[in-house]
């Protein structure tokens, strides 16, 4: 996967964005029409969609896991539906982490499987029967906000407070997946993760549109003292620098970092280089849960890399969890079994 261009995240006008504006106008027209299509299918149980406005990561998977935890506390049995980005499953598949790797189902699906049944399906409505077989009474979609094939009963949009929506332009001139206004009108609530001026700007815009704004942050899943050895951190996610900054704030001693493109499929050569750098400088290795999942069921040098790498796990915490819990309870009450 190609790394997102830097000019996408500039708050000022840039020459590349202006040159790509005609293509963005055409892409936005098509994407906007797609958003306006009537949903093809409605699930028999409520569907909560966790999406984002832009290309790349914003914290959707940790948000989906947090929603599942809250739903379980209400006595619900949530299941997950995802496209399985980065995988190659051609038809609906119930994820089994003991059998499937990231190359088959994608890294997000492996993380979600720890919290409930997960079905990966390029055609999302086609995945509904598998979830029904496992008795789920709430479906949480990881991504798919812009996909009109399945009716959503609650659409929650995750926005990175430090990045916002970048330059506010539609792909390829910017990171937006569709024109912002067309996306906002189909949004029930926006979850702003972390702080920053871009996020504050989004909060004001969303509030003016009459949509609910919620605050959240990604925190270490556990508190610990790191050291005495320093680390080489590596990550192939949407914004790897955000992960590196998180490590620094958590007190993880860093000597070196290595960024890869989002959803990077690690090769044996990648593994050898990382292991060699760590060995030469006397460093330990550390990465994200997603990257670690991509190394599952690996062999040879990749298996060695996984064995020698520590995982920095994070969790999504909401500033007002009771509000989120009330939204889940309301959508379940409002949407009877169809």
C-alpha atoms as a PDB file:
ATOM      1  CA  UNK A   1       0.000   0.000   0.000  1.00  0.00           C
ATOM      2  CA  UNK A   2       1.250   3.496  -0.885  1.00  0.00           C
ATOM      3  CA  UNK A   3       1.922   5.825   2.031  1.00  0.00           C
ATOM      4  CA  UNK A   4      -0.453   8.792   2.195  1.00  0.00           C
ATOM      5  CA  UNK A   5       1.234  11.865   0.654  1.00  0.00           C
ATOM      6  CA  UNK A   6       2.366  14.508   3.118  1.00  0.00           C
ATOM      7  CA  UNK A   7       0.504  17.351   1.382  1.00  0.00           C
ATOM      8  CA  UNK A   8      -2.814  15.729   2.367  1.00  0.00           C
ATOM      9  CA  UNK A   9      -2.206  16.783   5.955  1.00  0.00           C
ATOM     10  CA  UNK A  10      -1.132  20.367   5.306  1.00  0.00           C
ATOM     11  CA  UNK A  11      -3.608  22.965   6.540  1.00  0.00           C
ATOM     12  CA  UNK A  12      -2.575  25.399   3.795  1.00  0.00           C
ATOM     13  CA  UNK A  13      -3.209  25.178   0.059  1.00  0.00           C
ATOM     14  CA  UNK A  14      -0.549  23.165  -1.787  1.00  0.00           C
ATOM     15  CA  UNK A  15       0.367  22.914  -5.456  1.00  0.00           C
ATOM     16  CA  UNK A  16      -0.215  19.113  -5.682  1.00  0.00           C
ATOM     17  CA  UNK A  17      -3.703  19.518  -4.209  1.00  0.00           C
ATOM     18  CA  UNK A  18      -4.569  22.220  -6.744  1.00  0.00           C
ATOM     19  CA  UNK A  19      -3.254  20.149  -9.652  1.00  0.00           C
ATOM     20  CA  UNK A  20      -5.312  17.147  -8.537  1.00  0.00           C
ATOM     21  CA  UNK A  21      -8.489  19.193  -7.929  1.00  0.00           C
ATOM     22  CA  UNK A  22     -10.184  18.178 -11.239  1.00  0.00           C
ATOM     23  CA  UNK A  23      -9.694  14.483 -10.464  1.00  0.00           C
ATOM     24  CA  UNK A  24     -10.930  15.071  -6.908  1.00  0.00           C
ATOM     25  CA  UNK A  25     -14.082  16.727  -8.251  1.00  0.00           C
ATOM     26  CA  UNK A  26     -14.840  13.684 -10.397  1.00  0.00           C
ATOM     27  CA  UNK A  27     -14.063  11.241  -7.584  1.00  0.00           C
ATOM     28  CA  UNK A  28     -16.181  13.260  -5.152  1.00  0.00           C
ATOM     29  CA  UNK A  29     -19.116  13.267  -7.561  1.00  0.00           C
ATOM     30  CA  UNK A  30     -19.045   9.467  -7.860  1.00  0.00           C
ATOM     31  CA  UNK A  31     -18.470   8.922  -4.125  1.00  0.00           C
ATOM     32  CA  UNK A  32     -21.255  11.329  -3.207  1.00  0.00           C
ATOM     33  CA  UNK A  33     -23.723   9.551  -5.485  1.00  0.00           C
ATOM     34  CA  UNK A  34     -22.742   6.222  -3.957  1.00  0.00           C
ATOM     35  CA  UNK A  35     -23.347   7.575  -0.461  1.00  0.00           C
ATOM     36  CA  UNK A  36     -26.835   8.691  -1.426  1.00  0.00           C
ATOM     37  CA  UNK A  37     -27.916   5.253  -2.624  1.00  0.00           C
ATOM     38  CA  UNK A  38     -30.624   3.536  -0.611  1.00  0.00           C
ATOM     39  CA  UNK A  39     -29.285   0.589   1.423  1.00  0.00           C
ATOM     40  CA  UNK A  40     -29.777  -2.719  -0.363  1.00  0.00           C
ATOM     41  CA  UNK A  41     -30.227  -4.881   2.761  1.00  0.00           C
ATOM     42  CA  UNK A  42     -31.253  -4.440   6.406  1.00  0.00           C
ATOM     43  CA  UNK A  43     -29.883  -6.897   8.968  1.00  0.00           C
ATOM     44  CA  UNK A  44     -32.224  -8.726  11.357  1.00  0.00           C
ATOM     45  CA  UNK A  45     -30.420  -7.132  14.332  1.00  0.00           C
ATOM     46  CA  UNK A  46     -29.174  -3.559  14.930  1.00  0.00           C
ATOM     47  CA  UNK A  47     -26.015  -2.499  13.074  1.00  0.00           C
ATOM     48  CA  UNK A  48     -23.537   0.005  14.492  1.00  0.00           C
ATOM     49  CA  UNK A  49     -21.040   1.257  11.927  1.00  0.00           C
ATOM     50  CA  UNK A  50     -17.640   2.550  13.059  1.00  0.00           C
ATOM     51  CA  UNK A  51     -16.167   4.539  10.200  1.00  0.00           C
ATOM     52  CA  UNK A  52     -14.053   7.551   9.346  1.00  0.00           C
ATOM     53  CA  UNK A  53     -14.189  10.365   6.834  1.00  0.00           C
ATOM     54  CA  UNK A  54     -10.660   9.957   5.529  1.00  0.00           C
ATOM     55  CA  UNK A  55      -8.379   7.373   3.986  1.00  0.00           C
ATOM     56  CA  UNK A  56      -6.204   5.639   6.546  1.00  0.00           C
ATOM     57  CA  UNK A  57      -6.459   4.820  10.220  1.00  0.00           C
ATOM     58  CA  UNK A  58      -8.099   6.884  12.939  1.00  0.00           C
ATOM     59  CA  UNK A  59      -8.725   4.304  15.658  1.00  0.00           C
ATOM     60  CA  UNK A  60     -11.728   2.412  14.272  1.00  0.00           C
ATOM     61  CA  UNK A  61     -10.702  -1.021  15.507  1.00  0.00           C
ATOM     62  CA  UNK A  62      -9.988   0.037  19.129  1.00  0.00           C
ATOM     63  CA  UNK A  63     -13.324   1.883  19.050  1.00  0.00           C
ATOM     64  CA  UNK A  64     -15.135  -1.232  17.809  1.00  0.00           C
ATOM     65  CA  UNK A  65     -13.529  -3.278  20.587  1.00  0.00           C
ATOM     66  CA  UNK A  66     -14.568  -0.685  23.196  1.00  0.00           C
ATOM     67  CA  UNK A  67     -18.158  -0.715  21.900  1.00  0.00           C
ATOM     68  CA  UNK A  68     -18.235  -4.508  22.154  1.00  0.00           C
ATOM     69  CA  UNK A  69     -17.043  -4.334  25.756  1.00  0.00           C
ATOM     70  CA  UNK A  70     -19.793  -1.847  26.629  1.00  0.00           C
ATOM     71  CA  UNK A  71     -22.421  -3.898  24.783  1.00  0.00           C
ATOM     72  CA  UNK A  72     -21.421  -7.057  26.656  1.00  0.00           C
ATOM     73  CA  UNK A  73     -21.864  -5.203  29.944  1.00  0.00           C
ATOM     74  CA  UNK A  74     -25.478  -4.647  28.868  1.00  0.00           C
ATOM     75  CA  UNK A  75     -26.000  -8.367  28.372  1.00  0.00           C
ATOM     76  CA  UNK A  76     -25.707  -8.238  24.592  1.00  0.00           C
ATOM     77  CA  UNK A  77     -23.816 -10.625  22.334  1.00  0.00           C
ATOM     78  CA  UNK A  78     -22.067  -8.459  19.729  1.00  0.00           C
ATOM     79  CA  UNK A  79     -20.442  -9.745  16.580  1.00  0.00           C
ATOM     80  CA  UNK A  80     -18.236  -7.992  14.047  1.00  0.00           C
ATOM     81  CA  UNK A  81     -18.581  -7.552  10.307  1.00  0.00           C
ATOM     82  CA  UNK A  82     -15.636  -6.302   8.276  1.00  0.00           C
ATOM     83  CA  UNK A  83     -14.331  -6.346   4.732  1.00  0.00           C
ATOM     84  CA  UNK A  84     -11.098  -7.904   5.932  1.00  0.00           C
ATOM     85  CA  UNK A  85      -8.828  -5.256   4.442  1.00  0.00           C
ATOM     86  CA  UNK A  86      -5.446  -6.708   3.500  1.00  0.00           C
ATOM     87  CA  UNK A  87      -6.864 -10.240   3.341  1.00  0.00           C
ATOM     88  CA  UNK A  88      -7.869 -12.288   0.329  1.00  0.00           C
ATOM     89  CA  UNK A  89     -10.978 -14.186   1.454  1.00  0.00           C
ATOM     90  CA  UNK A  90     -13.239 -14.097  -1.663  1.00  0.00           C
ATOM     91  CA  UNK A  91     -16.442 -15.014   0.171  1.00  0.00           C
ATOM     92  CA  UNK A  92     -17.848 -14.719   3.727  1.00  0.00           C
ATOM     93  CA  UNK A  93     -15.609 -16.354   6.285  1.00  0.00           C
ATOM     94  CA  UNK A  94     -15.910 -16.789  10.041  1.00  0.00           C
ATOM     95  CA  UNK A  95     -12.517 -15.867  11.458  1.00  0.00           C
ATOM     96  CA  UNK A  96     -10.621 -18.476  13.435  1.00  0.00           C
ATOM     97  CA  UNK A  97      -7.256 -17.094  14.668  1.00  0.00           C
ATOM     98  CA  UNK A  98      -5.926 -20.645  15.036  1.00  0.00           C
ATOM     99  CA  UNK A  99      -6.492 -21.273  11.325  1.00  0.00           C
ATOM    100  CA  UNK A 100      -6.390 -17.906   9.587  1.00  0.00           C
ATOM    101  CA  UNK A 101      -3.612 -15.364   9.195  1.00  0.00           C
ATOM    102  CA  UNK A 102      -3.622 -11.693   8.235  1.00  0.00           C
ATOM    103  CA  UNK A 103      -2.981 -12.577   4.597  1.00  0.00           C
ATOM    104  CA  UNK A 104      -6.374 -14.316   4.536  1.00  0.00           C
ATOM    105  CA  UNK A 105      -8.590 -12.133   6.743  1.00  0.00           C
ATOM    106  CA  UNK A 106      -6.643  -8.924   7.454  1.00  0.00           C
ATOM    107  CA  UNK A 107      -5.067  -7.729  10.695  1.00  0.00           C
ATOM    108  CA  UNK A 108      -8.153  -5.981  12.116  1.00  0.00           C
ATOM    109  CA  UNK A 109     -10.203  -9.164  11.937  1.00  0.00           C
ATOM    110  CA  UNK A 110      -7.640 -11.052  14.029  1.00  0.00           C
ATOM    111  CA  UNK A 111      -7.743  -8.361  16.726  1.00  0.00           C
ATOM    112  CA  UNK A 112     -11.543  -8.276  16.769  1.00  0.00           C
ATOM    113  CA  UNK A 113     -11.766 -12.070  17.062  1.00  0.00           C
ATOM    114  CA  UNK A 114     -10.578 -11.841  20.656  1.00  0.00           C
ATOM    115  CA  UNK A 115     -13.819 -10.033  21.549  1.00  0.00           C
ATOM    116  CA  UNK A 116     -16.482 -11.952  19.641  1.00  0.00           C
ATOM    117  CA  UNK A 117     -17.481 -13.673  16.385  1.00  0.00           C
ATOM    118  CA  UNK A 118     -15.990 -11.960  13.336  1.00  0.00           C
ATOM    119  CA  UNK A 119     -17.104 -12.422   9.756  1.00  0.00           C
ATOM    120  CA  UNK A 120     -15.023 -11.015   6.914  1.00  0.00           C
ATOM    121  CA  UNK A 121     -16.946 -10.472   3.719  1.00  0.00           C
ATOM    122  CA  UNK A 122     -16.140  -8.236   0.732  1.00  0.00           C
ATOM    123  CA  UNK A 123     -19.933  -8.204   0.181  1.00  0.00           C
ATOM    124  CA  UNK A 124     -21.085  -7.213   3.655  1.00  0.00           C
ATOM    125  CA  UNK A 125     -24.747  -8.303   3.388  1.00  0.00           C
ATOM    126  CA  UNK A 126     -23.543 -11.752   2.315  1.00  0.00           C
ATOM    127  CA  UNK A 127     -21.809 -12.097   5.683  1.00  0.00           C
ATOM    128  CA  UNK A 128     -24.996 -11.665   7.734  1.00  0.00           C
ATOM    129  CA  UNK A 129     -26.089 -15.354   7.747  1.00  0.00           C
ATOM    130  CA  UNK A 130     -22.799 -16.448   9.335  1.00  0.00           C
ATOM    131  CA  UNK A 131     -23.230 -13.964  12.181  1.00  0.00           C
ATOM    132  CA  UNK A 132     -26.852 -15.032  12.613  1.00  0.00           C
ATOM    133  CA  UNK A 133     -25.716 -18.626  13.005  1.00  0.00           C
ATOM    134  CA  UNK A 134     -23.685 -17.552  16.031  1.00  0.00           C
ATOM    135  CA  UNK A 135     -26.611 -15.826  17.716  1.00  0.00           C
ATOM    136  CA  UNK A 136     -25.308 -12.258  17.748  1.00  0.00           C
ATOM    137  CA  UNK A 137     -27.902  -9.633  18.697  1.00  0.00           C
ATOM    138  CA  UNK A 138     -25.797  -6.621  17.708  1.00  0.00           C
ATOM    139  CA  UNK A 139     -23.497  -6.171  14.716  1.00  0.00           C
ATOM    140  CA  UNK A 140     -20.528  -3.822  14.902  1.00  0.00           C
ATOM    141  CA  UNK A 141     -19.102  -2.922  11.494  1.00  0.00           C
ATOM    142  CA  UNK A 142     -15.427  -2.003  11.452  1.00  0.00           C
ATOM    143  CA  UNK A 143     -15.357   0.450   8.511  1.00  0.00           C
ATOM    144  CA  UNK A 144     -17.922   0.484   5.701  1.00  0.00           C
ATOM    145  CA  UNK A 145     -19.477   3.880   6.413  1.00  0.00           C
ATOM    146  CA  UNK A 146     -19.243   4.880   2.732  1.00  0.00           C
ATOM    147  CA  UNK A 147     -20.576   1.490   1.564  1.00  0.00           C
ATOM    148  CA  UNK A 148     -24.339   1.705   0.876  1.00  0.00           C
ATOM    149  CA  UNK A 149     -25.034  -2.025   0.639  1.00  0.00           C
ATOM    150  CA  UNK A 150     -26.085  -2.524   4.285  1.00  0.00           C
ATOM    151  CA  UNK A 151     -28.422  -0.360   6.377  1.00  0.00           C
ATOM    152  CA  UNK A 152     -26.744   1.227   9.425  1.00  0.00           C
ATOM    153  CA  UNK A 153     -28.813   1.938  12.522  1.00  0.00           C
ATOM    154  CA  UNK A 154     -26.071   4.017  14.181  1.00  0.00           C
ATOM    155  CA  UNK A 155     -23.092   5.551  12.387  1.00  0.00           C
ATOM    156  CA  UNK A 156     -20.181   6.617  14.581  1.00  0.00           C
ATOM    157  CA  UNK A 157     -17.286   8.412  12.885  1.00  0.00           C
ATOM    158  CA  UNK A 158     -13.801   8.327  14.403  1.00  0.00           C
ATOM    159  CA  UNK A 159     -11.635  11.416  13.847  1.00  0.00           C
ATOM    160  CA  UNK A 160      -7.994  11.736  14.854  1.00  0.00           C
ATOM    161  CA  UNK A 161      -7.796  14.940  16.885  1.00  0.00           C
ATOM    162  CA  UNK A 162      -4.221  15.610  15.808  1.00  0.00           C
ATOM    163  CA  UNK A 163      -4.876  15.157  12.076  1.00  0.00           C
ATOM    164  CA  UNK A 164      -8.531  16.059  11.638  1.00  0.00           C
ATOM    165  CA  UNK A 165      -9.474  15.784   7.970  1.00  0.00           C
ATOM    166  CA  UNK A 166      -6.151  17.108   6.715  1.00  0.00           C
ATOM    167  CA  UNK A 167      -6.485  19.688   3.954  1.00  0.00           C
ATOM    168  CA  UNK A 168     -10.235  19.001   3.731  1.00  0.00           C
ATOM    169  CA  UNK A 169     -10.081  17.927   0.086  1.00  0.00           C
ATOM    170  CA  UNK A 170     -11.446  14.792  -1.544  1.00  0.00           C
ATOM    171  CA  UNK A 171      -9.131  12.006  -2.765  1.00  0.00           C
ATOM    172  CA  UNK A 172      -6.725  12.243  -4.572  1.00  0.00           C
ATOM    173  CA  UNK A 173      -6.254  15.933  -3.753  1.00  0.00           C
ATOM    174  CA  UNK A 174      -6.758  15.143  -0.070  1.00  0.00           C
ATOM    175  CA  UNK A 175      -7.660  12.321   2.312  1.00  0.00           C
ATOM    176  CA  UNK A 176     -11.484  12.611   2.288  1.00  0.00           C
ATOM    177  CA  UNK A 177     -13.253   9.496   1.011  1.00  0.00           C
ATOM    178  CA  UNK A 178     -16.232  11.574  -0.151  1.00  0.00           C
ATOM    179  CA  UNK A 179     -17.353  15.215   0.068  1.00  0.00           C
ATOM    180  CA  UNK A 180     -17.474  16.159   3.742  1.00  0.00           C
ATOM    181  CA  UNK A 181     -21.019  17.522   3.750  1.00  0.00           C
ATOM    182  CA  UNK A 182     -22.377  14.331   2.174  1.00  0.00           C
ATOM    183  CA  UNK A 183     -20.680  12.339   4.927  1.00  0.00           C
ATOM    184  CA  UNK A 184     -21.751  14.563   7.828  1.00  0.00           C
ATOM    185  CA  UNK A 185     -25.465  14.330   6.996  1.00  0.00           C
ATOM    186  CA  UNK A 186     -25.218  10.537   7.325  1.00  0.00           C
ATOM    187  CA  UNK A 187     -23.366  10.705  10.643  1.00  0.00           C
ATOM    188  CA  UNK A 188     -25.036  10.179  14.026  1.00  0.00           C
ATOM    189  CA  UNK A 189     -22.024  11.051  16.198  1.00  0.00           C
ATOM    190  CA  UNK A 190     -18.333  11.859  15.825  1.00  0.00           C
ATOM    191  CA  UNK A 191     -15.740  10.476  18.218  1.00  0.00           C
ATOM    192  CA  UNK A 192     -12.688  12.744  18.348  1.00  0.00           C
ATOM    193  CA  UNK A 193      -9.659  10.775  19.532  1.00  0.00           C
ATOM    194  CA  UNK A 194      -6.933  12.812  21.198  1.00  0.00           C
ATOM    195  CA  UNK A 195      -6.382  16.537  21.033  1.00  0.00           C
ATOM    196  CA  UNK A 196      -5.160  19.083  18.523  1.00  0.00           C
ATOM    197  CA  UNK A 197      -6.230  22.143  16.555  1.00  0.00           C
ATOM    198  CA  UNK A 198      -7.431  20.062  13.556  1.00  0.00           C
ATOM    199  CA  UNK A 199      -9.681  18.084  15.897  1.00  0.00           C
ATOM    200  CA  UNK A 200     -10.975  21.251  17.555  1.00  0.00           C
ATOM    201  CA  UNK A 201     -11.869  22.618  14.119  1.00  0.00           C
ATOM    202  CA  UNK A 202     -13.806  19.449  13.338  1.00  0.00           C
ATOM    203  CA  UNK A 203     -15.645  19.631  16.667  1.00  0.00           C
ATOM    204  CA  UNK A 204     -16.914  23.124  15.807  1.00  0.00           C
ATOM    205  CA  UNK A 205     -17.996  22.063  12.333  1.00  0.00           C
ATOM    206  CA  UNK A 206     -19.771  18.928  13.545  1.00  0.00           C
ATOM    207  CA  UNK A 207     -21.482  20.828  16.359  1.00  0.00           C
ATOM    208  CA  UNK A 208     -22.759  23.437  13.876  1.00  0.00           C
ATOM    209  CA  UNK A 209     -24.218  20.583  11.826  1.00  0.00           C
ATOM    210  CA  UNK A 210     -26.175  19.432  14.877  1.00  0.00           C
ATOM    211  CA  UNK A 211     -24.330  16.139  15.287  1.00  0.00           C
ATOM    212  CA  UNK A 212     -23.215  14.685  18.612  1.00  0.00           C
ATOM    213  CA  UNK A 213     -19.524  15.097  19.447  1.00  0.00           C
ATOM    214  CA  UNK A 214     -17.820  12.662  21.806  1.00  0.00           C
ATOM    215  CA  UNK A 215     -14.252  12.725  23.125  1.00  0.00           C
ATOM    216  CA  UNK A 216     -11.983   9.713  23.540  1.00  0.00           C
ATOM    217  CA  UNK A 217      -8.326   8.809  23.798  1.00  0.00           C
ATOM    218  CA  UNK A 218      -6.090   5.849  23.160  1.00  0.00           C
ATOM    219  CA  UNK A 219      -4.273   4.797  26.311  1.00  0.00           C
ATOM    220  CA  UNK A 220      -1.845   2.008  27.169  1.00  0.00           C
ATOM    221  CA  UNK A 221      -3.791  -1.120  28.053  1.00  0.00           C
ATOM    222  CA  UNK A 222      -1.556  -1.596  31.098  1.00  0.00           C
ATOM    223  CA  UNK A 223       0.861   0.499  33.103  1.00  0.00           C
ATOM    224  CA  UNK A 224       4.436  -0.691  33.391  1.00  0.00           C
ATOM    225  CA  UNK A 225       7.996   0.506  33.735  1.00  0.00           C
ATOM    226  CA  UNK A 226       9.998   0.039  30.542  1.00  0.00           C
ATOM    227  CA  UNK A 227      13.675  -0.678  30.323  1.00  0.00           C
ATOM    228  CA  UNK A 228      16.502  -0.947  31.097  1.00  0.00           C
ATOM    229  CA  UNK A 229      17.254  -1.661  27.433  1.00  0.00           C
ATOM    230  CA  UNK A 230      16.155   0.782  24.761  1.00  0.00           C
ATOM    231  CA  UNK A 231      13.874  -0.108  21.855  1.00  0.00           C
ATOM    232  CA  UNK A 232      13.659  -0.126  18.089  1.00  0.00           C
ATOM    233  CA  UNK A 233      10.001   0.534  17.298  1.00  0.00           C
ATOM    234  CA  UNK A 234       8.443  -0.391  13.960  1.00  0.00           C
ATOM    235  CA  UNK A 235       4.926   0.062  12.601  1.00  0.00           C
ATOM    236  CA  UNK A 236       3.005  -0.242   9.358  1.00  0.00           C
ATOM    237  CA  UNK A 237      -0.157   1.697  10.180  1.00  0.00           C
ATOM    238  CA  UNK A 238      -1.917   4.814   8.883  1.00  0.00           C
ATOM    239  CA  UNK A 239       0.135   7.257  10.944  1.00  0.00           C
ATOM    240  CA  UNK A 240       3.169   5.444  12.398  1.00  0.00           C
ATOM    241  CA  UNK A 241       4.556   8.675  13.872  1.00  0.00           C
ATOM    242  CA  UNK A 242       1.520   8.783  16.158  1.00  0.00           C
ATOM    243  CA  UNK A 243       2.466   5.366  17.517  1.00  0.00           C
ATOM    244  CA  UNK A 244       6.061   6.439  18.061  1.00  0.00           C
ATOM    245  CA  UNK A 245       4.912   9.557  19.924  1.00  0.00           C
ATOM    246  CA  UNK A 246       2.611   7.423  22.075  1.00  0.00           C
ATOM    247  CA  UNK A 247       5.538   5.203  23.029  1.00  0.00           C
ATOM    248  CA  UNK A 248       7.566   8.247  24.005  1.00  0.00           C
ATOM    249  CA  UNK A 249       4.771   9.643  26.182  1.00  0.00           C
ATOM    250  CA  UNK A 250       4.384   6.255  27.867  1.00  0.00           C
ATOM    251  CA  UNK A 251       8.022   6.292  28.906  1.00  0.00           C
ATOM    252  CA  UNK A 252       9.271   3.662  26.460  1.00  0.00           C
ATOM    253  CA  UNK A 253      12.985   4.399  25.846  1.00  0.00           C
ATOM    254  CA  UNK A 254      13.401   4.678  22.063  1.00  0.00           C
ATOM    255  CA  UNK A 255      16.677   4.692  20.169  1.00  0.00           C
ATOM    256  CA  UNK A 256      15.383   4.099  16.667  1.00  0.00           C
ATOM    257  CA  UNK A 257      12.114   3.833  14.721  1.00  0.00           C
ATOM    258  CA  UNK A 258      11.141   2.334  11.388  1.00  0.00           C
ATOM    259  CA  UNK A 259       7.905   3.256   9.587  1.00  0.00           C
ATOM    260  CA  UNK A 260       6.252   1.086   6.935  1.00  0.00           C
ATOM    261  CA  UNK A 261       3.174   1.771   4.741  1.00  0.00           C
ATOM    262  CA  UNK A 262      -0.276   1.099   6.185  1.00  0.00           C
ATOM    263  CA  UNK A 263      -1.197  -2.627   6.306  1.00  0.00           C
ATOM    264  CA  UNK A 264       2.337  -3.493   5.227  1.00  0.00           C
ATOM    265  CA  UNK A 265       2.868  -7.193   4.505  1.00  0.00           C
ATOM    266  CA  UNK A 266       6.208  -7.893   6.162  1.00  0.00           C
ATOM    267  CA  UNK A 267       8.744  -9.830   4.128  1.00  0.00           C
ATOM    268  CA  UNK A 268      11.569 -12.054   5.257  1.00  0.00           C
ATOM    269  CA  UNK A 269      13.959  -9.283   4.168  1.00  0.00           C
ATOM    270  CA  UNK A 270      12.139  -6.780   6.422  1.00  0.00           C
ATOM    271  CA  UNK A 271      12.497  -9.193   9.310  1.00  0.00           C
ATOM    272  CA  UNK A 272      16.198  -9.754   8.718  1.00  0.00           C
ATOM    273  CA  UNK A 273      16.901  -6.015   8.570  1.00  0.00           C
ATOM    274  CA  UNK A 274      14.956  -5.255  11.763  1.00  0.00           C
ATOM    275  CA  UNK A 275      16.574  -8.139  13.637  1.00  0.00           C
ATOM    276  CA  UNK A 276      20.033  -7.105  12.418  1.00  0.00           C
ATOM    277  CA  UNK A 277      19.560  -3.465  13.491  1.00  0.00           C
ATOM    278  CA  UNK A 278      18.306  -4.522  16.898  1.00  0.00           C
ATOM    279  CA  UNK A 279      21.179  -6.958  17.353  1.00  0.00           C
ATOM    280  CA  UNK A 280      23.852  -4.484  16.226  1.00  0.00           C
ATOM    281  CA  UNK A 281      22.658  -1.739  18.588  1.00  0.00           C
ATOM    282  CA  UNK A 282      21.616  -3.931  21.505  1.00  0.00           C
ATOM    283  CA  UNK A 283      17.961  -2.941  21.202  1.00  0.00           C
ATOM    284  CA  UNK A 284      14.682  -4.654  21.908  1.00  0.00           C
ATOM    285  CA  UNK A 285      11.898  -4.585  19.336  1.00  0.00           C
ATOM    286  CA  UNK A 286       8.399  -3.224  19.888  1.00  0.00           C
ATOM    287  CA  UNK A 287       5.368  -2.775  17.614  1.00  0.00           C
ATOM    288  CA  UNK A 288       1.580  -2.332  17.490  1.00  0.00           C
ATOM    289  CA  UNK A 289      -1.066  -5.024  18.003  1.00  0.00           C
ATOM    290  CA  UNK A 290      -1.980  -4.780  14.320  1.00  0.00           C
ATOM    291  CA  UNK A 291       1.583  -5.280  13.133  1.00  0.00           C
ATOM    292  CA  UNK A 292       2.028  -8.153  15.562  1.00  0.00           C
ATOM    293  CA  UNK A 293      -1.148  -9.767  14.199  1.00  0.00           C
ATOM    294  CA  UNK A 294       0.285  -9.537  10.691  1.00  0.00           C
ATOM    295  CA  UNK A 295       3.198 -11.659  11.855  1.00  0.00           C
ATOM    296  CA  UNK A 296       0.954 -14.437  13.184  1.00  0.00           C
ATOM    297  CA  UNK A 297       1.385 -17.917  11.690  1.00  0.00           C
ATOM    298  CA  UNK A 298       4.645 -16.748  10.108  1.00  0.00           C
ATOM    299  CA  UNK A 299       7.663 -18.934   9.473  1.00  0.00           C
ATOM    300  CA  UNK A 300      11.415 -18.506   9.270  1.00  0.00           C
ATOM    301  CA  UNK A 301      12.761 -15.004   9.873  1.00  0.00           C
ATOM    302  CA  UNK A 302       9.249 -13.588  10.284  1.00  0.00           C
ATOM    303  CA  UNK A 303       8.518 -16.063  13.060  1.00  0.00           C
ATOM    304  CA  UNK A 304      11.774 -15.056  14.737  1.00  0.00           C
ATOM    305  CA  UNK A 305      10.818 -11.381  14.445  1.00  0.00           C
ATOM    306  CA  UNK A 306       7.455 -12.045  16.090  1.00  0.00           C
ATOM    307  CA  UNK A 307       9.073 -14.074  18.858  1.00  0.00           C
ATOM    308  CA  UNK A 308      11.521 -11.274  19.683  1.00  0.00           C
ATOM    309  CA  UNK A 309       9.050  -8.386  19.447  1.00  0.00           C
ATOM    310  CA  UNK A 310       7.074  -6.910  22.316  1.00  0.00           C
ATOM    311  CA  UNK A 311       3.565  -5.555  21.728  1.00  0.00           C
ATOM    312  CA  UNK A 312       2.454  -2.147  22.947  1.00  0.00           C
ATOM    313  CA  UNK A 313      -1.265  -2.646  23.453  1.00  0.00           C
ATOM    314  CA  UNK A 314      -3.673   0.282  23.650  1.00  0.00           C
ATOM    315  CA  UNK A 315      -7.349   0.658  24.473  1.00  0.00           C
ATOM    316  CA  UNK A 316      -9.951   3.268  23.618  1.00  0.00           C
ATOM    317  CA  UNK A 317     -11.388   5.119  26.607  1.00  0.00           C
ATOM    318  CA  UNK A 318     -14.317   7.509  26.306  1.00  0.00           C
ATOM    319  CA  UNK A 319     -14.585  10.779  28.198  1.00  0.00           C
ATOM    320  CA  UNK A 320     -18.281  10.006  28.730  1.00  0.00           C
ATOM    321  CA  UNK A 321     -18.718   6.241  28.504  1.00  0.00           C
ATOM    322  CA  UNK A 322     -22.241   6.467  29.933  1.00  0.00           C
ATOM    323  CA  UNK A 323     -23.269   8.476  26.857  1.00  0.00           C
ATOM    324  CA  UNK A 324     -21.933   5.770  24.558  1.00  0.00           C
ATOM    325  CA  UNK A 325     -23.672   3.070  26.615  1.00  0.00           C
ATOM    326  CA  UNK A 326     -26.949   4.993  26.381  1.00  0.00           C
ATOM    327  CA  UNK A 327     -26.620   5.266  22.588  1.00  0.00           C
ATOM    328  CA  UNK A 328     -26.088   1.514  22.286  1.00  0.00           C
ATOM    329  CA  UNK A 329     -29.031   0.776  24.563  1.00  0.00           C
ATOM    330  CA  UNK A 330     -31.241   3.185  22.634  1.00  0.00           C
ATOM    331  CA  UNK A 331     -30.453   1.714  19.232  1.00  0.00           C
ATOM    332  CA  UNK A 332     -31.152  -1.799  20.550  1.00  0.00           C
ATOM    333  CA  UNK A 333     -34.440  -0.628  22.079  1.00  0.00           C
ATOM    334  CA  UNK A 334     -35.456   1.346  19.007  1.00  0.00           C
ATOM    335  CA  UNK A 335     -34.605  -1.338  16.443  1.00  0.00           C
ATOM    336  CA  UNK A 336     -36.609  -4.497  17.134  1.00  0.00           C
ATOM    337  CA  UNK A 337     -35.530  -7.768  15.597  1.00  0.00           C
ATOM    338  CA  UNK A 338     -36.452  -7.502  11.938  1.00  0.00           C
END
